[in-house]
């Protein structure tokens, strides 16, 4: 089952595995202020995980950004979220930091649309692939 829910310590614990501390605090704030939505996934074994999403408006239309996702058997729930996006005619965007996740989302039909590069003051240049 998938349902919208409010921020909780359990959501912070679960999503904290997918995010750094600063990112987790930002997402918690966005959910509490209603800028992002927190989805809870459960199955016959109980709590399976969480996803944080938000709708973003661009001149080209609305995109549904999957901000953070964590939990057990997320592929099953990602497919359900994807079906909801298709039903509503929404493009989905995810940001990833590993090639393994890129392959995983590729199996759902996602494609790389841009490359993000950063130059960190303390570590030089670090390259990162992301979906957008």
C-alpha atoms as a PDB file:
ATOM      1  CA  UNK A   1       0.000   0.000   0.000  1.00  0.00           C
ATOM      2  CA  UNK A   2       1.141   3.544  -0.723  1.00  0.00           C
ATOM      3  CA  UNK A   3      -0.172   6.521   1.209  1.00  0.00           C
ATOM      4  CA  UNK A   4       0.709  10.128   1.922  1.00  0.00           C
ATOM      5  CA  UNK A   5       1.839  10.661   5.494  1.00  0.00           C
ATOM      6  CA  UNK A   6       3.371  13.247   7.825  1.00  0.00           C
ATOM      7  CA  UNK A   7       7.028  13.503   8.834  1.00  0.00           C
ATOM      8  CA  UNK A   8       8.108  11.117  11.595  1.00  0.00           C
ATOM      9  CA  UNK A   9      11.228   9.848  13.343  1.00  0.00           C
ATOM     10  CA  UNK A  10      10.834   6.573  11.412  1.00  0.00           C
ATOM     11  CA  UNK A  11      10.811   8.457   8.080  1.00  0.00           C
ATOM     12  CA  UNK A  12      13.951  10.340   9.149  1.00  0.00           C
ATOM     13  CA  UNK A  13      15.682   7.084  10.121  1.00  0.00           C
ATOM     14  CA  UNK A  14      14.788   5.345   6.866  1.00  0.00           C
ATOM     15  CA  UNK A  15      15.517   8.267   4.526  1.00  0.00           C
ATOM     16  CA  UNK A  16      18.680   9.125   6.459  1.00  0.00           C
ATOM     17  CA  UNK A  17      20.301   6.077   4.851  1.00  0.00           C
ATOM     18  CA  UNK A  18      19.839   7.681   1.424  1.00  0.00           C
ATOM     19  CA  UNK A  19      20.758  11.282   2.304  1.00  0.00           C
ATOM     20  CA  UNK A  20      23.422  13.255   4.100  1.00  0.00           C
ATOM     21  CA  UNK A  21      22.388  15.047   7.310  1.00  0.00           C
ATOM     22  CA  UNK A  22      21.981  18.457   5.646  1.00  0.00           C
ATOM     23  CA  UNK A  23      19.840  17.018   2.880  1.00  0.00           C
ATOM     24  CA  UNK A  24      17.657  15.204   5.373  1.00  0.00           C
ATOM     25  CA  UNK A  25      17.013  18.415   7.328  1.00  0.00           C
ATOM     26  CA  UNK A  26      16.134  20.286   4.111  1.00  0.00           C
ATOM     27  CA  UNK A  27      13.703  17.570   3.024  1.00  0.00           C
ATOM     28  CA  UNK A  28      12.140  17.378   6.483  1.00  0.00           C
ATOM     29  CA  UNK A  29      11.548  21.134   6.330  1.00  0.00           C
ATOM     30  CA  UNK A  30      10.041  20.922   2.818  1.00  0.00           C
ATOM     31  CA  UNK A  31       7.638  18.153   3.882  1.00  0.00           C
ATOM     32  CA  UNK A  32       6.579  19.992   7.026  1.00  0.00           C
ATOM     33  CA  UNK A  33       5.951  23.205   5.035  1.00  0.00           C
ATOM     34  CA  UNK A  34       3.964  21.327   2.356  1.00  0.00           C
ATOM     35  CA  UNK A  35       6.468  21.937  -0.461  1.00  0.00           C
ATOM     36  CA  UNK A  36       7.234  18.216  -0.764  1.00  0.00           C
ATOM     37  CA  UNK A  37       5.126  15.135  -0.094  1.00  0.00           C
ATOM     38  CA  UNK A  38       6.098  12.126   2.032  1.00  0.00           C
ATOM     39  CA  UNK A  39       4.853   8.743   0.828  1.00  0.00           C
ATOM     40  CA  UNK A  40       4.870   5.662   3.052  1.00  0.00           C
ATOM     41  CA  UNK A  41       5.030   2.146   1.595  1.00  0.00           C
ATOM     42  CA  UNK A  42       3.736  -0.867   3.510  1.00  0.00           C
ATOM     43  CA  UNK A  43       3.217  -4.500   2.621  1.00  0.00           C
ATOM     44  CA  UNK A  44       2.216  -7.721   4.371  1.00  0.00           C
ATOM     45  CA  UNK A  45       5.412  -7.506   6.464  1.00  0.00           C
ATOM     46  CA  UNK A  46       4.750  -3.944   7.671  1.00  0.00           C
ATOM     47  CA  UNK A  47       6.625  -0.769   6.831  1.00  0.00           C
ATOM     48  CA  UNK A  48       8.623  -1.110   3.606  1.00  0.00           C
ATOM     49  CA  UNK A  49       9.966   2.416   3.072  1.00  0.00           C
ATOM     50  CA  UNK A  50       9.434   6.039   2.136  1.00  0.00           C
ATOM     51  CA  UNK A  51       9.690   8.407  -0.799  1.00  0.00           C
ATOM     52  CA  UNK A  52       9.714  12.193  -0.854  1.00  0.00           C
ATOM     53  CA  UNK A  53       8.356  13.864  -3.973  1.00  0.00           C
ATOM     54  CA  UNK A  54       7.485  17.345  -5.147  1.00  0.00           C
ATOM     55  CA  UNK A  55       5.828  18.898  -8.182  1.00  0.00           C
ATOM     56  CA  UNK A  56       7.929  21.476 -10.013  1.00  0.00           C
ATOM     57  CA  UNK A  57       6.545  23.868 -12.608  1.00  0.00           C
ATOM     58  CA  UNK A  58       8.544  24.812 -15.695  1.00  0.00           C
ATOM     59  CA  UNK A  59       7.574  26.631 -18.912  1.00  0.00           C
ATOM     60  CA  UNK A  60       7.528  23.199 -20.582  1.00  0.00           C
ATOM     61  CA  UNK A  61       5.101  21.770 -18.000  1.00  0.00           C
ATOM     62  CA  UNK A  62       5.026  20.105 -14.608  1.00  0.00           C
ATOM     63  CA  UNK A  63       7.626  17.542 -13.527  1.00  0.00           C
ATOM     64  CA  UNK A  64       7.258  15.168 -10.617  1.00  0.00           C
ATOM     65  CA  UNK A  65      10.614  15.075  -8.860  1.00  0.00           C
ATOM     66  CA  UNK A  66      11.349  12.008  -6.749  1.00  0.00           C
ATOM     67  CA  UNK A  67      13.597  13.730  -4.209  1.00  0.00           C
ATOM     68  CA  UNK A  68      14.574  10.772  -2.004  1.00  0.00           C
ATOM     69  CA  UNK A  69      13.551   7.132  -1.809  1.00  0.00           C
ATOM     70  CA  UNK A  70      14.605   4.443   0.648  1.00  0.00           C
ATOM     71  CA  UNK A  71      13.356   1.107   1.865  1.00  0.00           C
ATOM     72  CA  UNK A  72      12.869  -2.567   1.161  1.00  0.00           C
ATOM     73  CA  UNK A  73      11.824  -3.710  -2.340  1.00  0.00           C
ATOM     74  CA  UNK A  74      11.537  -0.142  -3.616  1.00  0.00           C
ATOM     75  CA  UNK A  75      11.408  -1.301  -7.277  1.00  0.00           C
ATOM     76  CA  UNK A  76       7.853  -2.540  -6.642  1.00  0.00           C
ATOM     77  CA  UNK A  77       6.801   0.831  -5.234  1.00  0.00           C
ATOM     78  CA  UNK A  78       8.677   2.824  -7.862  1.00  0.00           C
ATOM     79  CA  UNK A  79       6.588   1.056 -10.493  1.00  0.00           C
ATOM     80  CA  UNK A  80       3.403   2.070  -8.680  1.00  0.00           C
ATOM     81  CA  UNK A  81       4.564   5.691  -8.454  1.00  0.00           C
ATOM     82  CA  UNK A  82       5.473   5.555 -12.131  1.00  0.00           C
ATOM     83  CA  UNK A  83       1.982   4.322 -13.027  1.00  0.00           C
ATOM     84  CA  UNK A  84       0.508   7.235 -11.062  1.00  0.00           C
ATOM     85  CA  UNK A  85       2.744   9.657 -12.957  1.00  0.00           C
ATOM     86  CA  UNK A  86       1.640   8.169 -16.285  1.00  0.00           C
ATOM     87  CA  UNK A  87      -2.015   8.354 -15.235  1.00  0.00           C
ATOM     88  CA  UNK A  88      -1.560  12.074 -14.519  1.00  0.00           C
ATOM     89  CA  UNK A  89       0.594  12.721 -17.593  1.00  0.00           C
ATOM     90  CA  UNK A  90       3.613  13.789 -15.525  1.00  0.00           C
ATOM     91  CA  UNK A  91       7.268  13.560 -16.467  1.00  0.00           C
ATOM     92  CA  UNK A  92       9.313  12.097 -13.612  1.00  0.00           C
ATOM     93  CA  UNK A  93      12.790  13.335 -12.675  1.00  0.00           C
ATOM     94  CA  UNK A  94      15.199  11.724 -10.226  1.00  0.00           C
ATOM     95  CA  UNK A  95      18.699  12.768  -9.149  1.00  0.00           C
ATOM     96  CA  UNK A  96      21.201   9.967  -8.604  1.00  0.00           C
ATOM     97  CA  UNK A  97      24.775   9.757  -7.397  1.00  0.00           C
ATOM     98  CA  UNK A  98      25.781   6.225  -8.384  1.00  0.00           C
ATOM     99  CA  UNK A  99      26.000   4.238 -11.592  1.00  0.00           C
ATOM    100  CA  UNK A 100      24.268   1.316  -9.860  1.00  0.00           C
ATOM    101  CA  UNK A 101      21.194   3.468  -9.244  1.00  0.00           C
ATOM    102  CA  UNK A 102      21.414   4.704 -12.829  1.00  0.00           C
ATOM    103  CA  UNK A 103      21.179   1.106 -14.056  1.00  0.00           C
ATOM    104  CA  UNK A 104      18.352   0.379 -11.615  1.00  0.00           C
ATOM    105  CA  UNK A 105      16.258   3.348 -12.807  1.00  0.00           C
ATOM    106  CA  UNK A 106      17.202   2.528 -16.399  1.00  0.00           C
ATOM    107  CA  UNK A 107      15.285  -0.739 -15.989  1.00  0.00           C
ATOM    108  CA  UNK A 108      12.213   1.422 -15.264  1.00  0.00           C
ATOM    109  CA  UNK A 109      12.687   3.301 -18.543  1.00  0.00           C
ATOM    110  CA  UNK A 110      14.543   6.366 -17.235  1.00  0.00           C
ATOM    111  CA  UNK A 111      17.290   7.901 -19.379  1.00  0.00           C
ATOM    112  CA  UNK A 112      20.175  10.218 -18.532  1.00  0.00           C
ATOM    113  CA  UNK A 113      19.249  13.739 -19.568  1.00  0.00           C
ATOM    114  CA  UNK A 114      22.124  15.781 -18.162  1.00  0.00           C
ATOM    115  CA  UNK A 115      25.448  15.540 -16.361  1.00  0.00           C
ATOM    116  CA  UNK A 116      26.137  17.645 -13.283  1.00  0.00           C
ATOM    117  CA  UNK A 117      29.694  18.686 -12.446  1.00  0.00           C
ATOM    118  CA  UNK A 118      30.845  20.397  -9.256  1.00  0.00           C
ATOM    119  CA  UNK A 119      34.138  21.832  -8.157  1.00  0.00           C
ATOM    120  CA  UNK A 120      34.512  21.482  -4.435  1.00  0.00           C
ATOM    121  CA  UNK A 121      36.887  23.919  -2.782  1.00  0.00           C
ATOM    122  CA  UNK A 122      38.471  21.225  -0.600  1.00  0.00           C
ATOM    123  CA  UNK A 123      38.632  18.287  -3.028  1.00  0.00           C
ATOM    124  CA  UNK A 124      38.983  19.675  -6.550  1.00  0.00           C
ATOM    125  CA  UNK A 125      36.692  18.513  -9.347  1.00  0.00           C
ATOM    126  CA  UNK A 126      34.287  15.647  -8.812  1.00  0.00           C
ATOM    127  CA  UNK A 127      31.983  14.433 -11.586  1.00  0.00           C
ATOM    128  CA  UNK A 128      28.524  13.096 -10.908  1.00  0.00           C
ATOM    129  CA  UNK A 129      25.878  11.694 -13.276  1.00  0.00           C
ATOM    130  CA  UNK A 130      22.303  12.621 -12.527  1.00  0.00           C
ATOM    131  CA  UNK A 131      18.897  12.267 -14.072  1.00  0.00           C
ATOM    132  CA  UNK A 132      17.020  15.494 -14.447  1.00  0.00           C
END
